[in-house]
N, C-alpha and C. Protein backbone atom coordinates (compact mmCIF):
# COMPACT_ATOMS: atom_id res chain seq x y z
N UNK A 1 207.50 58.86 85.51
CA UNK A 1 207.29 58.23 84.21
C UNK A 1 205.80 58.54 83.78
N UNK A 2 205.62 59.13 82.66
CA UNK A 2 204.02 59.41 82.16
C UNK A 2 203.59 57.97 81.70
N UNK A 3 202.46 57.58 82.19
CA UNK A 3 201.87 56.33 81.79
C UNK A 3 201.35 56.50 80.36
N UNK A 4 201.19 55.28 79.66
CA UNK A 4 200.63 55.21 78.27
C UNK A 4 198.92 55.65 78.50
N UNK A 5 198.75 56.33 77.52
CA UNK A 5 197.28 56.77 77.45
C UNK A 5 196.61 56.40 76.09
N UNK A 6 195.25 56.08 76.35
CA UNK A 6 194.54 55.70 75.07
C UNK A 6 193.34 56.57 74.98
N UNK A 7 193.01 57.05 73.81
CA UNK A 7 191.91 57.90 73.56
C UNK A 7 191.17 57.30 72.37
N UNK A 8 189.94 56.86 72.45
CA UNK A 8 189.36 55.93 71.60
C UNK A 8 188.14 56.89 71.10
N UNK A 9 187.98 56.99 69.75
CA UNK A 9 186.65 57.77 69.15
C UNK A 9 185.76 57.01 68.58
N UNK A 10 184.52 57.36 68.62
CA UNK A 10 183.47 56.65 67.71
C UNK A 10 183.61 57.42 66.46
N UNK A 11 183.08 56.80 65.37
CA UNK A 11 183.21 57.55 63.94
C UNK A 11 181.99 58.22 63.72
N UNK A 12 180.83 57.73 63.26
CA UNK A 12 179.87 58.39 62.75
C UNK A 12 179.05 59.31 64.05
N UNK A 13 178.97 60.38 63.75
CA UNK A 13 178.35 61.42 64.95
C UNK A 13 179.32 61.87 65.76
N UNK A 14 180.61 61.54 65.69
CA UNK A 14 181.72 62.27 66.62
C UNK A 14 182.71 62.64 65.71
N UNK A 15 183.32 62.00 64.77
CA UNK A 15 184.43 62.43 63.86
C UNK A 15 183.82 62.94 62.68
N UNK A 16 182.93 62.14 61.91
CA UNK A 16 182.28 62.48 60.62
C UNK A 16 180.74 62.52 60.81
N UNK A 17 180.17 63.46 59.93
CA UNK A 17 178.73 63.65 60.13
C UNK A 17 178.00 62.86 58.83
N UNK A 18 177.86 61.69 59.01
CA UNK A 18 177.34 60.67 57.85
C UNK A 18 175.72 60.58 58.05
N UNK A 19 175.02 61.45 58.65
CA UNK A 19 173.61 61.24 59.03
C UNK A 19 172.69 60.98 57.81
N UNK A 20 173.08 61.83 57.00
CA UNK A 20 172.18 61.84 55.64
C UNK A 20 172.24 60.63 55.06
N UNK A 21 173.40 60.06 54.96
CA UNK A 21 173.42 58.59 54.14
C UNK A 21 172.98 57.56 54.89
N UNK A 22 173.09 57.71 56.32
CA UNK A 22 172.62 56.46 57.21
C UNK A 22 171.01 56.55 57.04
N UNK A 23 170.48 57.71 57.33
CA UNK A 23 169.00 57.83 57.11
C UNK A 23 168.32 57.44 55.91
N UNK A 24 169.09 57.88 54.58
CA UNK A 24 168.62 57.54 53.32
C UNK A 24 168.80 55.88 53.21
N UNK A 25 169.85 55.52 53.57
CA UNK A 25 170.03 53.96 53.24
C UNK A 25 168.91 53.30 54.20
N UNK A 26 168.87 53.56 55.37
CA UNK A 26 167.66 52.89 56.15
C UNK A 26 166.45 53.03 55.55
N UNK A 27 166.05 54.37 55.21
CA UNK A 27 164.82 54.39 54.49
C UNK A 27 164.59 53.66 53.27
N UNK A 28 165.72 53.53 52.57
CA UNK A 28 165.46 52.73 51.28
C UNK A 28 165.32 51.13 51.62
N UNK A 29 166.10 50.86 52.81
CA UNK A 29 165.88 49.44 53.17
C UNK A 29 164.54 48.98 53.57
N UNK A 30 163.78 49.95 54.40
CA UNK A 30 162.56 49.81 54.86
C UNK A 30 161.58 49.75 53.76
N UNK A 31 161.86 50.75 52.75
CA UNK A 31 160.85 50.78 51.63
C UNK A 31 160.86 49.57 50.78
N UNK A 32 162.12 49.04 50.54
CA UNK A 32 162.29 47.57 49.89
C UNK A 32 161.53 46.54 50.64
N UNK A 33 161.31 46.68 51.91
CA UNK A 33 160.51 45.61 52.66
C UNK A 33 159.29 46.01 52.67
N UNK A 34 158.72 47.07 52.09
CA UNK A 34 157.20 47.27 52.13
C UNK A 34 156.80 47.81 53.56
N UNK A 35 157.82 48.30 54.40
CA UNK A 35 157.21 48.56 55.86
C UNK A 35 157.34 50.12 55.78
N UNK A 36 156.79 50.69 56.76
CA UNK A 36 156.74 52.14 57.15
C UNK A 36 158.25 52.60 57.38
N UNK A 37 158.56 53.72 56.75
CA UNK A 37 160.00 54.14 57.10
C UNK A 37 159.98 54.95 58.48
N UNK A 38 160.86 54.47 59.33
CA UNK A 38 160.98 55.26 60.52
C UNK A 38 161.25 56.69 60.47
N UNK A 39 160.98 57.47 61.41
CA UNK A 39 161.19 58.89 61.36
C UNK A 39 162.79 59.15 61.38
N UNK A 40 163.23 60.24 61.00
CA UNK A 40 164.66 60.67 61.10
C UNK A 40 165.26 60.31 62.42
N UNK A 41 164.58 61.14 63.53
CA UNK A 41 165.10 60.96 64.71
C UNK A 41 165.21 59.45 65.31
N UNK A 42 164.18 58.68 64.85
CA UNK A 42 164.27 57.16 65.30
C UNK A 42 165.59 56.62 64.79
N UNK A 43 165.74 56.74 63.29
CA UNK A 43 166.89 56.19 62.71
C UNK A 43 168.26 56.82 63.31
N UNK A 44 168.30 57.98 63.58
CA UNK A 44 169.47 58.57 64.19
C UNK A 44 169.74 57.96 65.54
N UNK A 45 168.62 57.58 66.24
CA UNK A 45 168.87 57.27 67.68
C UNK A 45 169.55 55.73 67.87
N UNK A 46 169.55 55.02 66.62
CA UNK A 46 170.18 53.58 66.67
C UNK A 46 171.51 53.70 66.14
N UNK A 47 171.86 54.89 65.71
CA UNK A 47 173.57 54.91 65.18
C UNK A 47 174.31 54.57 66.20
N UNK A 48 175.35 53.76 65.82
CA UNK A 48 176.32 53.22 66.79
C UNK A 48 176.08 51.80 67.17
N UNK A 49 174.81 51.32 66.96
CA UNK A 49 174.57 49.82 67.18
C UNK A 49 175.00 49.11 66.09
N UNK A 50 175.31 47.76 66.21
CA UNK A 50 175.71 46.94 64.98
C UNK A 50 174.28 46.81 64.30
N UNK A 51 174.54 46.48 62.81
CA UNK A 51 173.31 46.86 62.16
C UNK A 51 172.11 45.90 62.53
N UNK A 52 172.24 44.42 62.52
CA UNK A 52 171.16 43.68 62.99
C UNK A 52 170.42 44.38 64.34
N UNK A 53 171.04 44.62 65.35
CA UNK A 53 170.58 45.34 66.53
C UNK A 53 169.87 46.72 66.22
N UNK A 54 170.38 47.37 65.29
CA UNK A 54 169.77 48.61 64.92
C UNK A 54 168.51 48.48 64.17
N UNK A 55 168.43 47.23 63.32
CA UNK A 55 167.25 47.08 62.41
C UNK A 55 166.02 46.61 63.48
N UNK A 56 166.63 45.65 64.43
CA UNK A 56 165.55 45.07 65.29
C UNK A 56 164.90 46.07 66.20
N UNK A 57 165.91 47.18 66.67
CA UNK A 57 165.23 48.03 67.57
C UNK A 57 164.35 49.22 66.72
N UNK A 58 164.46 49.21 65.49
CA UNK A 58 163.64 50.24 64.69
C UNK A 58 162.31 49.45 64.32
N UNK A 59 162.32 48.19 64.41
CA UNK A 59 161.23 47.35 64.10
C UNK A 59 161.17 46.11 64.88
N UNK A 60 160.85 46.29 66.26
CA UNK A 60 160.75 45.08 67.02
C UNK A 60 159.75 43.96 66.89
N UNK A 61 158.93 44.22 66.01
CA UNK A 61 157.80 43.06 65.70
C UNK A 61 158.55 42.26 64.55
N UNK A 62 159.61 42.64 64.00
CA UNK A 62 160.48 41.64 62.90
C UNK A 62 160.80 40.33 63.58
N UNK A 63 160.83 39.34 62.97
CA UNK A 63 161.43 38.10 63.10
C UNK A 63 162.91 38.15 62.90
N UNK A 64 163.69 37.13 63.33
CA UNK A 64 165.03 37.23 62.99
C UNK A 64 165.46 37.29 61.50
N UNK A 65 164.45 36.41 60.78
CA UNK A 65 164.91 36.40 59.26
C UNK A 65 164.63 37.74 58.60
N UNK A 66 163.65 38.45 59.04
CA UNK A 66 163.27 39.66 58.38
C UNK A 66 164.44 40.82 58.80
N UNK A 67 164.89 40.67 60.17
CA UNK A 67 166.08 41.69 60.50
C UNK A 67 167.21 41.30 59.79
N UNK A 68 167.57 40.20 59.41
CA UNK A 68 168.63 39.73 58.54
C UNK A 68 168.38 40.32 57.06
N UNK A 69 167.21 40.29 56.67
CA UNK A 69 166.87 40.82 55.34
C UNK A 69 166.91 42.33 55.58
N UNK A 70 166.67 42.99 56.40
CA UNK A 70 166.78 44.56 56.63
C UNK A 70 168.29 44.91 56.59
N UNK A 71 169.05 44.27 57.44
CA UNK A 71 170.26 44.53 57.60
C UNK A 71 171.02 44.46 56.07
N UNK A 72 170.89 43.40 55.37
CA UNK A 72 171.29 43.10 54.02
C UNK A 72 170.97 44.30 53.13
N UNK A 73 169.63 44.71 53.25
CA UNK A 73 168.99 45.83 52.36
C UNK A 73 169.68 47.06 52.70
N UNK A 74 170.01 47.20 54.00
CA UNK A 74 170.85 48.57 54.44
C UNK A 74 172.14 48.60 53.89
N UNK A 75 172.89 47.51 54.01
CA UNK A 75 174.15 47.44 53.39
C UNK A 75 174.15 47.77 51.84
N UNK A 76 173.22 47.12 50.95
CA UNK A 76 173.23 47.26 49.65
C UNK A 76 172.89 48.56 49.26
N UNK A 77 172.00 49.32 50.21
CA UNK A 77 171.49 50.60 49.84
C UNK A 77 172.71 51.53 50.20
N UNK A 78 173.56 51.32 51.30
CA UNK A 78 174.52 52.28 51.47
C UNK A 78 175.58 52.16 50.44
N UNK A 79 175.81 50.95 49.85
CA UNK A 79 176.88 50.71 49.02
C UNK A 79 176.37 51.68 47.77
N UNK A 80 175.20 51.40 47.50
CA UNK A 80 174.59 52.31 46.12
C UNK A 80 174.64 53.73 46.44
N UNK A 81 174.54 54.10 47.57
CA UNK A 81 174.66 55.54 47.92
C UNK A 81 176.08 56.09 47.71
N UNK A 82 177.03 55.12 48.16
CA UNK A 82 178.36 55.41 48.09
C UNK A 82 178.78 55.70 46.50
N UNK A 83 178.07 54.80 45.64
CA UNK A 83 178.47 54.89 44.11
C UNK A 83 177.84 56.22 43.65
N UNK A 84 176.47 56.39 43.98
CA UNK A 84 175.83 57.70 43.64
C UNK A 84 176.35 58.91 44.13
N UNK A 85 176.76 58.91 45.38
CA UNK A 85 177.08 60.41 46.02
C UNK A 85 178.52 60.38 46.45
N UNK A 86 179.09 59.31 46.45
CA UNK A 86 180.47 59.32 47.14
C UNK A 86 180.54 58.93 48.62
N UNK A 87 179.50 58.54 49.12
CA UNK A 87 179.42 58.09 50.51
C UNK A 87 180.16 59.00 51.61
N UNK A 88 181.07 58.34 52.30
CA UNK A 88 182.12 58.84 53.29
C UNK A 88 182.72 60.08 52.88
N UNK A 89 182.89 60.08 51.51
CA UNK A 89 183.82 61.28 50.77
C UNK A 89 183.04 62.49 51.04
N UNK A 90 181.51 62.48 51.08
CA UNK A 90 180.76 63.61 51.15
C UNK A 90 180.08 63.91 52.54
N UNK A 91 180.54 62.98 53.43
CA UNK A 91 180.24 63.10 54.89
C UNK A 91 181.30 63.84 55.61
N UNK A 92 181.07 64.95 55.79
CA UNK A 92 182.07 66.13 56.32
C UNK A 92 182.49 65.60 57.75
N UNK A 93 183.96 65.92 58.02
CA UNK A 93 184.30 65.93 59.38
C UNK A 93 183.86 66.98 60.00
N UNK A 94 183.53 66.75 61.39
CA UNK A 94 183.05 67.68 62.29
C UNK A 94 184.08 69.02 62.43
N UNK A 95 183.85 70.25 62.47
CA UNK A 95 184.67 71.27 62.87
C UNK A 95 185.69 70.93 64.01
N UNK A 96 186.97 70.98 63.79
CA UNK A 96 187.99 70.80 64.73
C UNK A 96 188.62 69.25 64.95
N UNK A 97 187.81 68.42 64.08
CA UNK A 97 188.00 66.90 64.51
C UNK A 97 189.54 66.72 63.84
N UNK A 98 189.87 67.11 62.73
CA UNK A 98 191.25 66.73 62.17
C UNK A 98 192.33 67.49 63.07
N UNK A 99 191.96 68.62 63.49
CA UNK A 99 192.95 69.45 64.29
C UNK A 99 193.09 68.70 65.53
N UNK A 100 192.21 68.19 66.12
CA UNK A 100 192.31 67.50 67.55
C UNK A 100 193.20 66.26 67.31
N UNK A 101 192.93 65.39 66.31
CA UNK A 101 193.80 64.28 65.81
C UNK A 101 195.25 64.64 65.76
N UNK A 102 195.39 65.74 64.98
CA UNK A 102 196.75 66.21 64.77
C UNK A 102 197.51 66.70 65.96
N UNK A 103 196.96 67.26 66.96
CA UNK A 103 197.39 67.57 68.17
C UNK A 103 197.83 66.30 69.00
N UNK A 104 196.85 65.40 69.15
CA UNK A 104 197.04 64.17 69.77
C UNK A 104 198.13 63.27 69.32
N UNK A 105 197.97 62.95 68.15
CA UNK A 105 198.78 61.88 67.35
C UNK A 105 200.26 62.02 67.68
N UNK A 106 200.93 63.32 67.81
CA UNK A 106 202.30 63.29 68.05
C UNK A 106 202.94 62.97 69.40
N UNK A 107 201.85 62.93 70.20
CA UNK A 107 202.31 62.83 71.66
C UNK A 107 202.76 61.24 71.94
N UNK A 108 203.96 60.88 72.40
CA UNK A 108 204.63 59.69 72.43
C UNK A 108 203.69 58.72 73.48
N UNK A 109 203.09 59.47 74.36
CA UNK A 109 202.33 58.71 75.48
C UNK A 109 200.97 58.23 75.04
N UNK A 110 200.43 58.83 74.12
CA UNK A 110 199.10 58.74 73.40
C UNK A 110 198.78 57.80 72.29
N UNK A 111 198.13 56.72 72.51
CA UNK A 111 197.70 55.91 71.47
C UNK A 111 196.30 56.39 71.06
N UNK A 112 195.94 56.51 69.80
CA UNK A 112 194.45 56.73 69.39
C UNK A 112 193.73 55.61 68.77
N UNK A 113 192.49 55.50 68.97
CA UNK A 113 191.78 54.52 68.43
C UNK A 113 190.35 54.75 67.98
N UNK A 114 189.69 53.88 67.29
CA UNK A 114 188.54 53.90 66.68
C UNK A 114 187.64 52.81 67.22
N UNK A 115 186.33 52.95 67.82
CA UNK A 115 185.52 51.81 68.10
C UNK A 115 184.04 52.32 67.47
N UNK A 116 183.69 51.64 66.33
CA UNK A 116 182.68 52.13 65.47
C UNK A 116 181.67 50.83 65.15
N UNK A 117 180.27 51.31 65.14
CA UNK A 117 179.38 50.16 64.61
C UNK A 117 179.47 50.13 63.17
N UNK A 118 180.38 50.79 62.35
CA UNK A 118 180.51 50.36 60.96
C UNK A 118 181.17 49.06 60.84
N UNK A 119 181.01 48.48 59.59
CA UNK A 119 181.75 47.49 59.27
C UNK A 119 183.14 47.88 58.84
N UNK A 120 184.07 46.88 58.81
CA UNK A 120 185.46 47.47 58.42
C UNK A 120 185.50 48.12 57.05
N UNK A 121 184.81 47.56 56.17
CA UNK A 121 184.68 48.10 54.85
C UNK A 121 184.27 49.62 54.92
N UNK A 122 183.41 49.90 55.73
CA UNK A 122 182.97 51.47 55.56
C UNK A 122 183.98 52.20 56.46
N UNK A 123 184.52 51.78 57.48
CA UNK A 123 185.69 52.38 58.11
C UNK A 123 186.65 52.65 57.23
N UNK A 124 187.26 51.63 56.56
CA UNK A 124 188.41 51.79 55.36
C UNK A 124 187.92 52.92 54.40
N UNK A 125 186.68 53.02 53.94
CA UNK A 125 186.08 53.94 53.09
C UNK A 125 186.30 55.46 53.71
N UNK A 126 185.89 55.49 54.95
CA UNK A 126 186.01 56.90 55.65
C UNK A 126 187.49 57.36 55.83
N UNK A 127 188.28 56.20 56.24
CA UNK A 127 189.80 56.63 56.43
C UNK A 127 190.45 57.12 55.10
N UNK A 128 189.99 56.44 53.96
CA UNK A 128 190.61 56.91 52.77
C UNK A 128 190.01 58.36 52.20
N UNK A 129 188.70 58.37 52.44
CA UNK A 129 187.99 59.60 52.09
C UNK A 129 188.56 60.82 52.74
N UNK A 130 188.92 60.81 54.05
CA UNK A 130 189.37 61.93 54.69
C UNK A 130 190.87 61.79 55.22
N UNK A 131 191.63 60.72 54.65
CA UNK A 131 192.82 60.66 54.95
C UNK A 131 193.35 60.59 56.35
N UNK A 132 192.62 59.90 57.21
CA UNK A 132 192.87 59.98 58.77
C UNK A 132 193.37 58.54 59.24
N UNK A 133 193.28 57.53 58.46
CA UNK A 133 193.70 56.26 59.01
C UNK A 133 194.92 56.15 59.71
N UNK A 134 195.89 57.05 59.26
CA UNK A 134 197.27 56.98 59.92
C UNK A 134 197.40 57.52 61.25
N UNK A 135 196.25 58.19 61.83
CA UNK A 135 196.21 58.61 63.22
C UNK A 135 196.13 57.55 64.15
N UNK A 136 195.38 56.28 63.85
CA UNK A 136 194.96 55.42 64.79
C UNK A 136 195.84 54.22 64.96
N UNK A 137 196.06 53.88 66.18
CA UNK A 137 196.87 52.77 66.46
C UNK A 137 196.03 51.51 66.58
N UNK A 138 194.71 51.52 66.92
CA UNK A 138 193.91 50.35 67.12
C UNK A 138 192.36 50.79 66.63
N UNK A 139 191.90 49.92 65.83
CA UNK A 139 190.56 50.15 65.23
C UNK A 139 189.73 49.05 65.23
N UNK A 140 188.58 49.11 65.89
CA UNK A 140 187.55 48.01 66.24
C UNK A 140 186.22 48.30 65.63
N UNK A 141 185.68 47.36 64.80
CA UNK A 141 184.56 47.42 63.97
C UNK A 141 183.57 46.50 64.42
N UNK A 142 182.37 46.55 63.86
CA UNK A 142 181.16 45.65 64.17
C UNK A 142 181.48 44.45 63.67
N UNK A 143 182.44 44.12 62.62
CA UNK A 143 182.71 42.78 62.15
C UNK A 143 183.23 41.92 63.09
N UNK A 144 184.02 42.31 63.98
CA UNK A 144 184.68 41.47 64.85
C UNK A 144 184.22 41.53 66.41
N UNK A 145 183.12 42.15 66.63
CA UNK A 145 182.70 42.36 68.11
C UNK A 145 181.12 42.34 68.10
N UNK A 146 180.61 42.02 69.57
CA UNK A 146 179.26 42.23 69.65
C UNK A 146 178.84 43.69 69.59
N UNK A 147 177.72 44.20 69.60
CA UNK A 147 177.21 45.42 69.29
C UNK A 147 177.57 46.17 70.58
N UNK A 148 177.87 47.58 70.36
CA UNK A 148 177.67 48.30 71.52
C UNK A 148 176.41 48.32 72.27
N UNK A 149 176.36 48.53 73.50
CA UNK A 149 177.49 48.83 74.44
C UNK A 149 178.21 47.76 75.11
N UNK A 150 178.15 46.64 74.53
CA UNK A 150 179.19 45.44 74.97
C UNK A 150 180.55 46.21 74.85
N UNK A 151 181.36 45.79 75.99
CA UNK A 151 182.69 46.46 75.93
C UNK A 151 183.96 45.70 75.10
N UNK A 152 183.38 44.78 74.30
CA UNK A 152 184.54 44.03 73.64
C UNK A 152 185.40 44.86 72.81
N UNK A 153 184.99 45.78 72.15
CA UNK A 153 185.74 46.72 71.29
C UNK A 153 186.91 47.46 72.14
N UNK A 154 186.52 47.89 73.28
CA UNK A 154 187.45 48.61 74.05
C UNK A 154 188.26 47.80 74.80
N UNK A 155 187.97 46.58 75.35
CA UNK A 155 188.85 45.59 75.85
C UNK A 155 189.80 45.10 75.01
N UNK A 156 189.62 44.88 73.79
CA UNK A 156 190.50 44.55 72.67
C UNK A 156 191.55 45.75 72.43
N UNK A 157 190.92 46.92 72.31
CA UNK A 157 191.85 48.13 72.23
C UNK A 157 192.91 48.15 73.49
N UNK A 158 192.47 47.87 74.70
CA UNK A 158 193.44 47.93 75.58
C UNK A 158 194.50 46.92 75.55
N UNK A 159 194.03 45.66 74.96
CA UNK A 159 194.97 44.61 74.94
C UNK A 159 195.97 44.91 73.79
N UNK A 160 195.54 45.46 72.70
CA UNK A 160 196.37 45.88 71.58
C UNK A 160 197.48 46.88 71.90
N UNK A 161 197.07 47.90 72.82
CA UNK A 161 198.03 48.93 73.07
C UNK A 161 198.80 48.79 74.47
N UNK A 162 198.16 47.83 75.33
CA UNK A 162 198.89 47.75 76.72
C UNK A 162 198.59 48.91 77.64
N UNK A 163 197.56 49.63 77.40
CA UNK A 163 196.98 50.69 78.25
C UNK A 163 196.19 50.02 79.37
N UNK A 164 196.20 50.64 80.59
CA UNK A 164 195.42 50.33 81.75
C UNK A 164 194.03 51.07 81.52
N UNK A 165 192.83 50.48 81.78
CA UNK A 165 191.58 51.20 81.74
C UNK A 165 191.57 52.50 82.45
N UNK A 166 192.20 52.83 83.45
CA UNK A 166 192.35 53.91 84.39
C UNK A 166 192.83 55.11 83.49
N UNK A 167 193.66 54.79 82.46
CA UNK A 167 194.36 55.63 81.45
C UNK A 167 193.74 55.92 80.14
N UNK A 168 192.54 55.23 80.24
CA UNK A 168 191.85 55.39 78.83
C UNK A 168 190.53 56.15 78.77
N UNK A 169 190.21 56.72 77.67
CA UNK A 169 189.09 57.65 77.45
C UNK A 169 188.29 57.14 76.21
N UNK A 170 186.94 57.16 76.25
CA UNK A 170 186.20 56.91 75.16
C UNK A 170 185.35 58.09 74.90
N UNK A 171 185.21 58.66 73.67
CA UNK A 171 184.75 59.80 73.20
C UNK A 171 183.61 59.38 72.28
N UNK A 172 182.45 59.88 72.42
CA UNK A 172 181.18 59.43 71.56
C UNK A 172 180.13 60.32 71.63
N UNK A 173 179.11 60.08 70.76
CA UNK A 173 177.97 61.06 70.64
C UNK A 173 176.81 60.27 71.00
N UNK A 174 176.70 59.07 71.39
CA UNK A 174 175.65 58.28 71.69
C UNK A 174 175.63 57.77 73.21
N UNK A 175 174.69 57.39 73.69
CA UNK A 175 174.69 56.57 74.98
C UNK A 175 175.19 55.43 74.92
N UNK A 176 175.18 54.70 73.75
CA UNK A 176 175.93 53.52 73.55
C UNK A 176 177.36 53.67 73.70
N UNK A 177 177.98 54.66 73.11
CA UNK A 177 179.48 54.76 73.49
C UNK A 177 179.85 54.98 74.87
N UNK A 178 178.90 55.90 75.59
CA UNK A 178 179.24 56.10 76.99
C UNK A 178 178.91 54.86 77.79
N UNK A 179 177.90 54.24 77.62
CA UNK A 179 177.71 52.81 78.24
C UNK A 179 178.85 51.69 78.01
N UNK A 180 179.26 51.82 76.72
CA UNK A 180 180.32 50.90 76.38
C UNK A 180 181.73 51.36 77.20
N UNK A 181 181.92 52.51 77.17
CA UNK A 181 183.33 52.96 77.98
C UNK A 181 183.00 52.80 79.31
N UNK A 182 182.11 53.04 80.10
CA UNK A 182 181.84 52.64 81.47
C UNK A 182 182.03 51.27 81.73
N UNK A 183 181.43 50.27 80.87
CA UNK A 183 181.46 48.90 81.06
C UNK A 183 183.06 48.32 80.95
N UNK A 184 183.85 49.04 80.27
CA UNK A 184 185.09 48.83 79.96
C UNK A 184 186.17 49.38 80.88
N UNK A 185 185.64 50.36 81.94
CA UNK A 185 186.47 50.91 82.82
C UNK A 185 187.02 52.18 82.36
N UNK A 186 186.46 52.62 81.17
CA UNK A 186 187.05 53.94 80.74
C UNK A 186 186.68 55.33 81.46
N UNK A 187 187.31 56.33 81.34
CA UNK A 187 186.64 57.58 81.52
C UNK A 187 185.86 57.81 80.19
N UNK A 188 184.81 58.47 80.32
CA UNK A 188 183.92 58.99 78.97
C UNK A 188 183.83 60.34 78.79
N UNK A 189 183.80 60.66 77.50
CA UNK A 189 183.45 62.15 77.03
C UNK A 189 182.40 62.06 76.02
N UNK A 190 181.25 62.68 76.37
CA UNK A 190 180.26 62.79 75.26
C UNK A 190 180.54 64.18 74.44
N UNK A 191 179.95 63.93 73.24
CA UNK A 191 180.03 65.04 72.46
C UNK A 191 178.64 65.63 71.89
N UNK A 192 178.29 67.07 72.12
CA UNK A 192 177.03 67.39 71.91
C UNK A 192 176.65 67.56 70.60
N UNK A 193 177.37 67.40 69.50
CA UNK A 193 176.95 67.66 68.13
C UNK A 193 176.54 66.57 67.47
N UNK A 194 176.55 65.35 68.14
CA UNK A 194 176.23 64.07 67.31
C UNK A 194 174.73 63.59 67.17
N UNK A 195 174.36 62.51 67.54
CA UNK A 195 173.10 62.02 67.03
C UNK A 195 172.17 61.71 68.33
N UNK A 196 172.67 61.77 69.62
CA UNK A 196 171.87 61.47 70.83
C UNK A 196 171.90 62.84 71.46
N UNK A 197 170.82 63.23 72.14
CA UNK A 197 170.96 64.51 72.92
C UNK A 197 171.81 64.51 74.07
N UNK A 198 172.21 65.60 74.51
CA UNK A 198 173.23 65.58 75.79
C UNK A 198 172.57 64.98 77.03
N UNK A 199 171.01 65.04 77.15
CA UNK A 199 170.46 64.51 78.35
C UNK A 199 170.66 63.05 78.35
N UNK A 200 170.86 62.51 77.27
CA UNK A 200 170.86 60.93 77.06
C UNK A 200 172.40 60.59 77.38
N UNK A 201 173.16 61.41 76.84
CA UNK A 201 174.64 61.16 77.16
C UNK A 201 175.01 61.17 78.84
N UNK A 202 174.48 62.46 79.43
CA UNK A 202 174.50 62.55 80.81
C UNK A 202 173.80 61.32 81.56
N UNK A 203 172.62 60.97 81.11
CA UNK A 203 172.03 59.86 81.86
C UNK A 203 172.77 58.50 81.63
N UNK A 204 173.49 58.20 80.64
CA UNK A 204 174.20 57.04 80.56
C UNK A 204 175.42 57.14 81.32
N UNK A 205 175.82 58.37 81.95
CA UNK A 205 176.95 58.30 82.86
C UNK A 205 178.25 59.03 82.33
N UNK A 206 178.03 59.93 81.11
CA UNK A 206 179.35 60.61 80.71
C UNK A 206 179.92 61.44 81.72
N UNK A 207 181.33 61.35 81.89
CA UNK A 207 182.03 62.00 83.06
C UNK A 207 182.07 63.45 82.54
N UNK A 208 182.01 63.65 81.17
CA UNK A 208 182.09 65.29 80.86
C UNK A 208 181.46 65.13 79.41
N UNK A 209 180.78 66.41 79.25
CA UNK A 209 180.30 66.56 77.68
C UNK A 209 180.84 67.82 77.15
N UNK A 210 181.49 67.82 75.99
CA UNK A 210 181.79 68.93 75.37
C UNK A 210 181.18 69.48 74.24
N UNK A 211 181.31 70.70 73.90
CA UNK A 211 180.42 71.36 72.92
C UNK A 211 181.24 71.53 71.39
N UNK A 212 182.51 71.49 71.72
CA UNK A 212 183.44 71.64 70.39
C UNK A 212 184.74 70.88 70.67
N UNK A 213 185.50 70.59 69.55
CA UNK A 213 186.67 69.86 69.70
C UNK A 213 187.80 70.71 70.46
N UNK A 214 187.52 71.92 70.42
CA UNK A 214 188.49 72.90 71.06
C UNK A 214 188.69 72.49 72.44
N UNK A 215 187.57 72.04 73.00
CA UNK A 215 187.55 71.73 74.40
C UNK A 215 188.08 70.35 74.74
N UNK A 216 188.43 69.59 73.90
CA UNK A 216 188.92 68.07 74.17
C UNK A 216 190.21 68.13 74.85
N UNK A 217 191.15 68.78 74.56
CA UNK A 217 192.30 68.90 75.39
C UNK A 217 192.27 69.04 76.85
N UNK A 218 191.61 70.12 77.20
CA UNK A 218 191.30 70.58 78.50
C UNK A 218 190.60 69.32 79.26
N UNK A 219 189.68 68.72 78.53
CA UNK A 219 188.83 67.62 79.13
C UNK A 219 189.64 66.48 79.43
N UNK A 220 190.36 65.99 78.47
CA UNK A 220 191.54 64.97 78.74
C UNK A 220 192.35 65.23 79.77
N UNK A 221 192.89 66.54 79.93
CA UNK A 221 193.68 66.91 81.04
C UNK A 221 193.05 66.82 82.21
N UNK A 222 191.79 67.16 82.44
CA UNK A 222 191.16 66.91 83.58
C UNK A 222 191.18 65.65 84.20
N UNK A 223 191.12 64.56 83.44
CA UNK A 223 191.37 63.01 83.97
C UNK A 223 192.82 62.84 84.24
N UNK A 224 193.85 63.39 83.12
CA UNK A 224 195.10 62.83 83.24
C UNK A 224 195.73 63.49 84.52
N UNK A 225 195.43 64.80 84.75
CA UNK A 225 196.03 65.54 85.89
C UNK A 225 195.64 64.85 87.29
N UNK A 226 194.50 64.47 87.34
CA UNK A 226 193.89 63.84 88.57
C UNK A 226 194.77 62.51 88.68
N UNK A 227 194.97 61.88 87.57
CA UNK A 227 195.80 60.61 87.77
C UNK A 227 197.22 60.54 87.98
N UNK A 228 197.75 61.81 87.73
CA UNK A 228 199.22 61.91 87.91
C UNK A 228 199.70 62.12 89.31
C-alpha cells in the first residue's frame, strides 16, 4: 500500500513573486521611522521570517519597542499597497506553479500544504487572488507559530495530515525553509527562482535544488522511489 505523502510549499518567492510589494512596504516602514532604507537584497534576504524577526534582522540596533513599531508600519504599508495596486492579485505566480499544483492535487495519497511567514490575512488574499486555496489540505502561517526556521509549522502539518516525516517534503526558496524542513525531519527541495541564492540553499542542506516547476515531479519521485 502506498503511504500517505505530504508536500508543503512556501508562498512568497516559491509560488508567487511578491518581491516588489515586500520591498516597497518595508521601504515605507523604514522611511516612516526616519531610518535608512535597507537595500533591496537585504530586504529580500529576510523574506520568510516572521515580521518582528525580519525587522530585527534588518536593524539589529533597534530595541523591542522599535521593532514592534516597524512591524506595525510594515503591515499598514502592505495593506495600503494592496489598496493602491492590488497586492497579491498583481504578484504573479511563478511559471509552472499552478500546473504543478494541478498535477499533485488529484493524487489520493498526496496532501498539499503551505508554510509561510505571511499572516493568515495575507495568505487568504493570495489564495483568493490566484484561486489556489482549494489545492491545500493544511495551511500554516506566522500568526500561529514561531518564525521559521523553527519546525512548528511543519510539525503541525504532519499532525493535521497524519503523514510521517520520512514521507514529507518541504519546498522553498530560502535557507529558512530548508532549515525548517530539516529540523522537522522532512526531505527538502530548494527552488532557484526565489529570494535566496542557490549557494545559500545548498549550504542550508537542501536535498535537491530545482530550476523550474517542470522538474518537481521527478524530484519528488527521487525521494518516493527510494522509500518504496
